[in-house]
Amino acid sequence: MTPASTTVSVPTGTWSVDVAHSNVEFRVKHLGISTVRGAFRDFEGTLEIGDDISTAKAYGKINAASIDTNEPLDEDTFEVTGDLTMHGVTKPITLTVETTGVEQQDPWGNERVGLEALGKLDRSEWDMRFNQALGSGNMMVSDKVTISLDISAVKQA
């Protein structure tokens, strides 16, 4: 049962995250035996609190390039771990990211960076279980999924 109105412990209004005194961090098991910690250094956020907590809203933005995992694989390759939500299920996933190039100035005067990210997952871990056996013995949809991102990002002023 959900109450129609709830007393809010945070005063109503719009609140900006104080990034100098806030953290956006994560922890992930590495090889199943140790915990690797990381953080995003560049982020922002806003909270909008109304009289009724059910109307509260939170907005945030994290600069993915500001990740600090203390785990680079080499100068241009690193791992990024985050939460992936599919089919109503949220689980951590790790992508290997490679910097593919930096352009100091494109034809429009912008600074750009290119990134490629690659990872794998089993879709059944996200409760995506629909399948059908084919006459050949193969399944209609593989449980193994490869995620591939090819990103061109423009630096904002």
N, C-alpha and C. Protein backbone atom coordinates (compact mmCIF):
# COMPACT_ATOMS: atom_id res chain seq x y z
N MET A 1 0.84 -1.17 0.00
CA MET A 1 0.00 0.00 0.00
C MET A 1 0.89 1.24 0.00
N THR A 2 0.64 2.16 -0.90
CA THR A 2 1.42 3.37 -1.02
C THR A 2 0.64 4.55 -0.47
N PRO A 3 1.22 5.28 0.49
CA PRO A 3 0.49 6.44 1.02
C PRO A 3 0.37 7.52 -0.04
N ALA A 4 -0.71 8.29 0.04
CA ALA A 4 -0.96 9.35 -0.94
C ALA A 4 0.03 10.48 -0.79
N SER A 5 0.49 10.75 0.42
CA SER A 5 1.41 11.83 0.67
C SER A 5 2.39 11.41 1.75
N THR A 6 3.63 11.84 1.61
CA THR A 6 4.67 11.50 2.55
C THR A 6 5.39 12.76 2.97
N THR A 7 5.76 12.85 4.23
CA THR A 7 6.55 13.98 4.70
C THR A 7 7.97 13.83 4.17
N VAL A 8 8.51 14.89 3.60
CA VAL A 8 9.83 14.86 3.01
C VAL A 8 10.84 15.40 4.03
N SER A 9 11.94 14.65 4.21
CA SER A 9 12.96 15.11 5.15
C SER A 9 13.89 16.13 4.51
N VAL A 10 13.92 16.22 3.19
CA VAL A 10 14.70 17.23 2.49
C VAL A 10 13.75 18.37 2.14
N PRO A 11 14.12 19.60 2.48
CA PRO A 11 13.24 20.72 2.16
C PRO A 11 12.95 20.79 0.66
N THR A 12 11.77 21.26 0.32
CA THR A 12 11.39 21.38 -1.08
C THR A 12 12.28 22.38 -1.79
N GLY A 13 12.40 22.20 -3.10
CA GLY A 13 13.20 23.11 -3.91
C GLY A 13 14.07 22.35 -4.88
N THR A 14 14.87 23.08 -5.62
CA THR A 14 15.81 22.51 -6.58
C THR A 14 17.21 22.58 -5.99
N TRP A 15 17.90 21.46 -6.01
CA TRP A 15 19.21 21.34 -5.38
C TRP A 15 20.23 20.90 -6.42
N SER A 16 21.38 21.55 -6.45
CA SER A 16 22.49 21.16 -7.33
C SER A 16 23.51 20.36 -6.52
N VAL A 17 24.01 19.28 -7.10
CA VAL A 17 25.02 18.46 -6.43
C VAL A 17 26.30 19.27 -6.29
N ASP A 18 26.86 19.30 -5.11
CA ASP A 18 28.14 19.97 -4.84
C ASP A 18 29.24 18.97 -5.18
N VAL A 19 29.77 19.04 -6.39
CA VAL A 19 30.72 18.02 -6.87
C VAL A 19 32.03 18.02 -6.09
N ALA A 20 32.38 19.13 -5.48
CA ALA A 20 33.62 19.17 -4.69
C ALA A 20 33.49 18.34 -3.42
N HIS A 21 32.27 18.09 -2.99
CA HIS A 21 32.06 17.35 -1.75
C HIS A 21 31.18 16.12 -1.96
N SER A 22 31.16 15.58 -3.16
CA SER A 22 30.36 14.41 -3.51
C SER A 22 31.24 13.42 -4.26
N ASN A 23 30.80 12.18 -4.33
CA ASN A 23 31.54 11.13 -5.04
C ASN A 23 30.59 10.30 -5.88
N VAL A 24 31.07 9.86 -7.04
CA VAL A 24 30.38 8.87 -7.85
C VAL A 24 31.38 7.74 -8.02
N GLU A 25 31.16 6.66 -7.29
CA GLU A 25 32.12 5.57 -7.25
C GLU A 25 31.44 4.24 -7.54
N PHE A 26 32.25 3.22 -7.80
CA PHE A 26 31.73 1.87 -7.99
C PHE A 26 32.74 0.87 -7.46
N ARG A 27 32.24 -0.34 -7.20
CA ARG A 27 33.07 -1.46 -6.80
C ARG A 27 32.66 -2.65 -7.65
N VAL A 28 33.64 -3.44 -8.06
CA VAL A 28 33.35 -4.62 -8.85
C VAL A 28 34.37 -5.71 -8.50
N LYS A 29 33.88 -6.95 -8.45
CA LYS A 29 34.79 -8.07 -8.20
C LYS A 29 35.64 -8.31 -9.43
N HIS A 30 36.93 -8.50 -9.22
CA HIS A 30 37.86 -8.80 -10.30
C HIS A 30 38.36 -10.22 -10.09
N LEU A 31 38.19 -11.07 -11.09
CA LEU A 31 38.57 -12.47 -11.04
C LEU A 31 37.88 -13.22 -9.90
N GLY A 32 36.80 -12.64 -9.38
CA GLY A 32 36.04 -13.28 -8.33
C GLY A 32 36.72 -13.29 -6.98
N ILE A 33 37.89 -12.64 -6.85
CA ILE A 33 38.61 -12.72 -5.58
C ILE A 33 38.98 -11.37 -4.99
N SER A 34 39.04 -10.35 -5.79
CA SER A 34 39.40 -9.04 -5.25
C SER A 34 38.39 -8.01 -5.71
N THR A 35 38.31 -6.92 -4.98
CA THR A 35 37.38 -5.85 -5.32
C THR A 35 38.18 -4.69 -5.90
N VAL A 36 37.81 -4.29 -7.11
CA VAL A 36 38.42 -3.14 -7.76
C VAL A 36 37.47 -1.96 -7.56
N ARG A 37 38.02 -0.85 -7.13
CA ARG A 37 37.22 0.35 -6.92
C ARG A 37 37.58 1.38 -7.97
N GLY A 38 36.60 2.13 -8.36
CA GLY A 38 36.83 3.19 -9.33
C GLY A 38 35.89 4.34 -9.07
N ALA A 39 36.11 5.40 -9.79
CA ALA A 39 35.29 6.60 -9.61
C ALA A 39 35.21 7.37 -10.90
N PHE A 40 34.16 8.16 -11.02
CA PHE A 40 34.04 9.13 -12.10
C PHE A 40 34.37 10.48 -11.49
N ARG A 41 35.28 11.21 -12.10
CA ARG A 41 35.74 12.48 -11.54
C ARG A 41 34.94 13.68 -12.03
N ASP A 42 34.24 13.53 -13.16
CA ASP A 42 33.49 14.65 -13.75
C ASP A 42 32.01 14.27 -13.82
N PHE A 43 31.21 14.90 -12.98
CA PHE A 43 29.78 14.60 -12.95
C PHE A 43 29.03 15.82 -12.45
N GLU A 44 27.73 15.78 -12.64
CA GLU A 44 26.86 16.84 -12.14
C GLU A 44 25.50 16.25 -11.86
N GLY A 45 24.71 16.95 -11.07
CA GLY A 45 23.39 16.44 -10.76
C GLY A 45 22.49 17.50 -10.16
N THR A 46 21.20 17.25 -10.27
CA THR A 46 20.17 18.15 -9.75
C THR A 46 19.07 17.32 -9.11
N LEU A 47 18.58 17.80 -7.98
CA LEU A 47 17.44 17.18 -7.31
C LEU A 47 16.30 18.18 -7.29
N GLU A 48 15.11 17.72 -7.62
CA GLU A 48 13.92 18.55 -7.52
C GLU A 48 12.98 17.90 -6.53
N ILE A 49 12.81 18.54 -5.37
CA ILE A 49 12.01 17.98 -4.29
C ILE A 49 10.74 18.80 -4.14
N GLY A 50 9.60 18.13 -4.24
CA GLY A 50 8.31 18.78 -4.06
C GLY A 50 7.74 18.45 -2.70
N ASP A 51 6.53 18.92 -2.44
CA ASP A 51 5.86 18.65 -1.17
C ASP A 51 5.57 17.17 -0.97
N ASP A 52 5.35 16.45 -2.05
CA ASP A 52 5.05 15.02 -2.02
C ASP A 52 6.26 14.28 -2.58
N ILE A 53 6.84 13.38 -1.80
CA ILE A 53 8.06 12.67 -2.22
C ILE A 53 7.87 11.91 -3.52
N SER A 54 6.63 11.54 -3.84
CA SER A 54 6.40 10.79 -5.08
C SER A 54 6.63 11.65 -6.32
N THR A 55 6.74 12.96 -6.15
CA THR A 55 7.00 13.84 -7.28
C THR A 55 8.47 14.22 -7.39
N ALA A 56 9.31 13.73 -6.47
CA ALA A 56 10.74 14.06 -6.49
C ALA A 56 11.39 13.54 -7.77
N LYS A 57 12.34 14.32 -8.29
CA LYS A 57 13.06 13.95 -9.51
C LYS A 57 14.55 14.17 -9.28
N ALA A 58 15.34 13.31 -9.89
CA ALA A 58 16.80 13.44 -9.83
C ALA A 58 17.34 13.35 -11.24
N TYR A 59 18.24 14.24 -11.58
CA TYR A 59 18.87 14.27 -12.88
C TYR A 59 20.38 14.23 -12.67
N GLY A 60 21.07 13.54 -13.52
CA GLY A 60 22.51 13.50 -13.39
C GLY A 60 23.19 13.22 -14.70
N LYS A 61 24.43 13.61 -14.77
CA LYS A 61 25.24 13.35 -15.96
C LYS A 61 26.64 13.01 -15.49
N ILE A 62 27.20 11.95 -16.06
CA ILE A 62 28.56 11.53 -15.73
C ILE A 62 29.36 11.54 -17.02
N ASN A 63 30.51 12.16 -16.99
CA ASN A 63 31.41 12.16 -18.13
C ASN A 63 32.16 10.83 -18.10
N ALA A 64 31.80 9.93 -19.01
CA ALA A 64 32.40 8.59 -19.02
C ALA A 64 33.92 8.64 -19.18
N ALA A 65 34.42 9.65 -19.86
CA ALA A 65 35.87 9.77 -20.05
C ALA A 65 36.59 10.12 -18.75
N SER A 66 35.84 10.51 -17.72
CA SER A 66 36.48 10.88 -16.45
C SER A 66 36.64 9.69 -15.52
N ILE A 67 36.40 8.48 -16.03
CA ILE A 67 36.52 7.30 -15.19
C ILE A 67 37.95 7.10 -14.72
N ASP A 68 38.09 6.70 -13.48
CA ASP A 68 39.39 6.41 -12.90
C ASP A 68 39.26 5.06 -12.21
N THR A 69 39.74 4.00 -12.88
CA THR A 69 39.63 2.65 -12.33
C THR A 69 40.93 2.18 -11.72
N ASN A 70 41.98 2.96 -11.89
CA ASN A 70 43.31 2.53 -11.48
C ASN A 70 43.65 1.18 -12.11
N GLU A 71 43.02 0.89 -13.24
CA GLU A 71 43.23 -0.41 -13.89
C GLU A 71 43.33 -0.26 -15.41
N PRO A 72 44.22 0.62 -15.90
CA PRO A 72 44.37 0.67 -17.36
C PRO A 72 45.08 -0.58 -17.85
N LEU A 73 44.69 -1.03 -19.00
CA LEU A 73 45.34 -2.21 -19.58
C LEU A 73 46.61 -1.80 -20.32
N ASP A 74 46.59 -0.63 -20.93
CA ASP A 74 47.76 0.01 -21.51
C ASP A 74 47.41 1.48 -21.71
N GLU A 75 48.25 2.21 -22.42
CA GLU A 75 48.05 3.66 -22.54
C GLU A 75 46.72 4.03 -23.18
N ASP A 76 46.23 3.22 -24.12
CA ASP A 76 45.01 3.55 -24.84
C ASP A 76 43.85 2.61 -24.55
N THR A 77 44.02 1.63 -23.65
CA THR A 77 42.98 0.64 -23.39
C THR A 77 42.71 0.54 -21.90
N PHE A 78 41.42 0.53 -21.54
CA PHE A 78 41.05 0.44 -20.14
C PHE A 78 39.72 -0.28 -20.03
N GLU A 79 39.34 -0.62 -18.81
CA GLU A 79 38.07 -1.29 -18.58
C GLU A 79 37.10 -0.33 -17.90
N VAL A 80 35.84 -0.41 -18.31
CA VAL A 80 34.78 0.39 -17.72
C VAL A 80 33.72 -0.57 -17.23
N THR A 81 33.34 -0.42 -15.97
CA THR A 81 32.30 -1.25 -15.39
C THR A 81 31.14 -0.37 -14.99
N GLY A 82 29.94 -0.80 -15.34
CA GLY A 82 28.74 -0.05 -14.98
C GLY A 82 27.55 -0.98 -14.95
N ASP A 83 26.40 -0.44 -14.62
CA ASP A 83 25.18 -1.23 -14.57
C ASP A 83 24.45 -1.17 -15.91
N LEU A 84 23.99 -2.32 -16.37
CA LEU A 84 23.19 -2.42 -17.59
C LEU A 84 21.80 -2.92 -17.20
N THR A 85 20.78 -2.18 -17.60
CA THR A 85 19.40 -2.58 -17.31
C THR A 85 18.74 -3.02 -18.61
N MET A 86 18.24 -4.25 -18.61
CA MET A 86 17.48 -4.79 -19.74
C MET A 86 16.35 -5.62 -19.17
N HIS A 87 15.20 -5.52 -19.78
CA HIS A 87 14.08 -6.38 -19.42
C HIS A 87 13.75 -6.25 -17.93
N GLY A 88 14.01 -5.06 -17.36
CA GLY A 88 13.72 -4.81 -15.96
C GLY A 88 14.74 -5.36 -14.98
N VAL A 89 15.85 -5.89 -15.47
CA VAL A 89 16.89 -6.46 -14.61
C VAL A 89 18.16 -5.62 -14.76
N THR A 90 18.77 -5.26 -13.64
CA THR A 90 20.01 -4.48 -13.65
C THR A 90 21.14 -5.34 -13.11
N LYS A 91 22.21 -5.43 -13.89
CA LYS A 91 23.39 -6.21 -13.49
C LYS A 91 24.63 -5.45 -13.95
N PRO A 92 25.76 -5.68 -13.28
CA PRO A 92 27.00 -5.03 -13.72
C PRO A 92 27.54 -5.68 -14.99
N ILE A 93 28.21 -4.89 -15.79
CA ILE A 93 28.86 -5.38 -17.00
C ILE A 93 30.17 -4.61 -17.17
N THR A 94 31.19 -5.27 -17.68
CA THR A 94 32.48 -4.63 -17.91
C THR A 94 32.75 -4.61 -19.41
N LEU A 95 33.11 -3.45 -19.91
CA LEU A 95 33.48 -3.28 -21.31
C LEU A 95 34.96 -2.93 -21.40
N THR A 96 35.63 -3.45 -22.39
CA THR A 96 37.01 -3.05 -22.68
C THR A 96 36.94 -1.92 -23.68
N VAL A 97 37.54 -0.78 -23.33
CA VAL A 97 37.45 0.43 -24.15
C VAL A 97 38.83 0.78 -24.67
N GLU A 98 38.88 1.08 -25.95
CA GLU A 98 40.13 1.51 -26.60
C GLU A 98 39.94 2.89 -27.20
N THR A 99 40.89 3.77 -26.92
CA THR A 99 40.89 5.09 -27.56
C THR A 99 41.39 4.89 -28.98
N THR A 100 40.57 5.25 -29.97
CA THR A 100 40.94 5.02 -31.36
C THR A 100 41.51 6.25 -32.05
N GLY A 101 41.40 7.40 -31.41
CA GLY A 101 41.98 8.59 -32.00
C GLY A 101 41.51 9.86 -31.32
N VAL A 102 42.33 10.88 -31.45
CA VAL A 102 41.99 12.20 -30.93
C VAL A 102 42.27 13.20 -32.04
N GLU A 103 41.29 14.02 -32.32
CA GLU A 103 41.42 15.07 -33.34
C GLU A 103 41.38 16.41 -32.62
N GLN A 104 42.47 17.14 -32.67
CA GLN A 104 42.54 18.42 -31.97
C GLN A 104 41.56 19.43 -32.53
N GLN A 105 41.33 19.35 -33.85
CA GLN A 105 40.38 20.28 -34.45
C GLN A 105 39.80 19.67 -35.72
N ASP A 106 38.49 19.40 -35.69
CA ASP A 106 37.83 18.88 -36.88
C ASP A 106 37.51 20.06 -37.82
N PRO A 107 36.92 19.82 -38.98
CA PRO A 107 36.65 20.92 -39.92
C PRO A 107 35.72 22.01 -39.36
N TRP A 108 35.03 21.72 -38.25
CA TRP A 108 34.12 22.70 -37.66
C TRP A 108 34.71 23.35 -36.41
N GLY A 109 35.99 23.06 -36.13
CA GLY A 109 36.67 23.67 -35.00
C GLY A 109 36.50 22.94 -33.68
N ASN A 110 35.97 21.70 -33.71
CA ASN A 110 35.74 20.94 -32.48
C ASN A 110 36.88 19.97 -32.20
N GLU A 111 37.12 19.73 -30.92
CA GLU A 111 38.05 18.68 -30.52
C GLU A 111 37.25 17.39 -30.36
N ARG A 112 37.76 16.28 -30.91
CA ARG A 112 37.04 15.01 -30.90
C ARG A 112 37.92 13.89 -30.37
N VAL A 113 37.23 12.87 -29.83
CA VAL A 113 37.91 11.65 -29.44
C VAL A 113 37.08 10.48 -29.96
N GLY A 114 37.75 9.43 -30.39
CA GLY A 114 37.09 8.21 -30.84
C GLY A 114 37.35 7.09 -29.85
N LEU A 115 36.30 6.33 -29.55
CA LEU A 115 36.40 5.22 -28.61
C LEU A 115 35.66 4.01 -29.16
N GLU A 116 36.22 2.84 -28.94
CA GLU A 116 35.53 1.59 -29.24
C GLU A 116 35.44 0.80 -27.96
N ALA A 117 34.25 0.26 -27.67
CA ALA A 117 34.04 -0.54 -26.46
C ALA A 117 33.46 -1.89 -26.86
N LEU A 118 33.91 -2.93 -26.19
CA LEU A 118 33.48 -4.28 -26.52
C LEU A 118 33.27 -5.07 -25.23
N GLY A 119 32.18 -5.81 -25.20
CA GLY A 119 31.89 -6.65 -24.04
C GLY A 119 30.96 -7.78 -24.43
N LYS A 120 30.77 -8.72 -23.53
CA LYS A 120 29.88 -9.86 -23.78
C LYS A 120 29.00 -10.08 -22.58
N LEU A 121 27.83 -10.66 -22.83
CA LEU A 121 26.91 -11.01 -21.76
C LEU A 121 26.08 -12.20 -22.18
N ASP A 122 25.47 -12.83 -21.17
CA ASP A 122 24.50 -13.91 -21.41
C ASP A 122 23.13 -13.31 -21.17
N ARG A 123 22.31 -13.25 -22.21
CA ARG A 123 21.02 -12.57 -22.09
C ARG A 123 20.10 -13.25 -21.07
N SER A 124 20.30 -14.53 -20.81
CA SER A 124 19.46 -15.23 -19.82
C SER A 124 19.67 -14.66 -18.42
N GLU A 125 20.83 -14.05 -18.15
CA GLU A 125 21.08 -13.44 -16.84
C GLU A 125 20.20 -12.20 -16.63
N TRP A 126 19.62 -11.69 -17.69
CA TRP A 126 18.70 -10.57 -17.61
C TRP A 126 17.25 -11.05 -17.82
N ASP A 127 17.00 -12.31 -17.52
CA ASP A 127 15.68 -12.93 -17.66
C ASP A 127 15.13 -12.87 -19.07
N MET A 128 15.98 -12.83 -20.04
CA MET A 128 15.55 -12.87 -21.45
C MET A 128 15.72 -14.32 -21.89
N ARG A 129 14.65 -15.09 -21.77
CA ARG A 129 14.74 -16.53 -21.94
C ARG A 129 14.00 -17.06 -23.17
N PHE A 130 13.29 -16.19 -23.89
CA PHE A 130 12.58 -16.70 -25.06
C PHE A 130 13.57 -17.36 -26.01
N ASN A 131 13.21 -18.52 -26.49
CA ASN A 131 14.02 -19.21 -27.48
C ASN A 131 13.19 -20.31 -28.11
N GLN A 132 13.72 -20.85 -29.18
CA GLN A 132 13.04 -21.93 -29.87
C GLN A 132 14.10 -22.77 -30.55
N ALA A 133 14.00 -24.08 -30.36
CA ALA A 133 14.94 -24.99 -31.02
C ALA A 133 14.59 -25.10 -32.50
N LEU A 134 15.61 -25.07 -33.32
CA LEU A 134 15.42 -25.21 -34.77
C LEU A 134 15.68 -26.66 -35.17
N GLY A 135 15.23 -27.04 -36.33
CA GLY A 135 15.41 -28.40 -36.83
C GLY A 135 16.87 -28.81 -36.89
N SER A 136 17.77 -27.86 -37.06
CA SER A 136 19.19 -28.17 -37.15
C SER A 136 19.82 -28.45 -35.78
N GLY A 137 19.06 -28.20 -34.72
CA GLY A 137 19.60 -28.35 -33.37
C GLY A 137 20.08 -27.03 -32.79
N ASN A 138 20.18 -26.01 -33.63
CA ASN A 138 20.56 -24.68 -33.15
C ASN A 138 19.36 -24.02 -32.50
N MET A 139 19.64 -22.98 -31.73
CA MET A 139 18.58 -22.20 -31.12
C MET A 139 18.31 -20.97 -31.98
N MET A 140 17.07 -20.49 -31.94
CA MET A 140 16.69 -19.33 -32.73
C MET A 140 17.52 -18.10 -32.34
N VAL A 141 17.72 -17.89 -31.02
CA VAL A 141 18.46 -16.74 -30.53
C VAL A 141 19.55 -17.23 -29.59
N SER A 142 20.78 -16.86 -29.85
CA SER A 142 21.88 -17.25 -28.98
C SER A 142 21.77 -16.58 -27.63
N ASP A 143 22.20 -17.27 -26.58
CA ASP A 143 22.25 -16.67 -25.26
C ASP A 143 23.43 -15.70 -25.14
N LYS A 144 24.46 -15.92 -25.91
CA LYS A 144 25.66 -15.08 -25.88
C LYS A 144 25.43 -13.84 -26.75
N VAL A 145 25.67 -12.66 -26.14
CA VAL A 145 25.48 -11.39 -26.85
C VAL A 145 26.78 -10.61 -26.77
N THR A 146 27.22 -10.09 -27.90
CA THR A 146 28.39 -9.21 -27.94
C THR A 146 27.90 -7.78 -28.05
N ILE A 147 28.40 -6.93 -27.17
CA ILE A 147 28.06 -5.51 -27.19
C ILE A 147 29.24 -4.77 -27.78
N SER A 148 28.95 -3.92 -28.76
CA SER A 148 29.99 -3.16 -29.43
C SER A 148 29.56 -1.71 -29.57
N LEU A 149 30.39 -0.80 -29.10
CA LEU A 149 30.11 0.63 -29.24
C LEU A 149 31.25 1.26 -30.02
N ASP A 150 30.92 2.08 -30.97
CA ASP A 150 31.89 2.86 -31.74
C ASP A 150 31.48 4.31 -31.57
N ILE A 151 32.22 5.05 -30.77
CA ILE A 151 31.81 6.36 -30.31
C ILE A 151 32.74 7.45 -30.86
N SER A 152 32.12 8.51 -31.35
CA SER A 152 32.82 9.76 -31.67
C SER A 152 32.24 10.81 -30.75
N ALA A 153 33.08 11.40 -29.90
CA ALA A 153 32.59 12.37 -28.93
C ALA A 153 33.24 13.73 -29.19
N VAL A 154 32.44 14.78 -29.05
CA VAL A 154 32.89 16.15 -29.25
C VAL A 154 33.05 16.82 -27.89
N LYS A 155 34.22 17.40 -27.66
CA LYS A 155 34.47 18.09 -26.40
C LYS A 155 33.62 19.34 -26.32
N GLN A 156 32.95 19.50 -25.18
CA GLN A 156 32.11 20.67 -24.97
C GLN A 156 32.92 21.81 -24.38
N ALA A 157 32.56 23.01 -24.77
CA ALA A 157 33.28 24.20 -24.28
C ALA A 157 33.01 24.43 -22.82
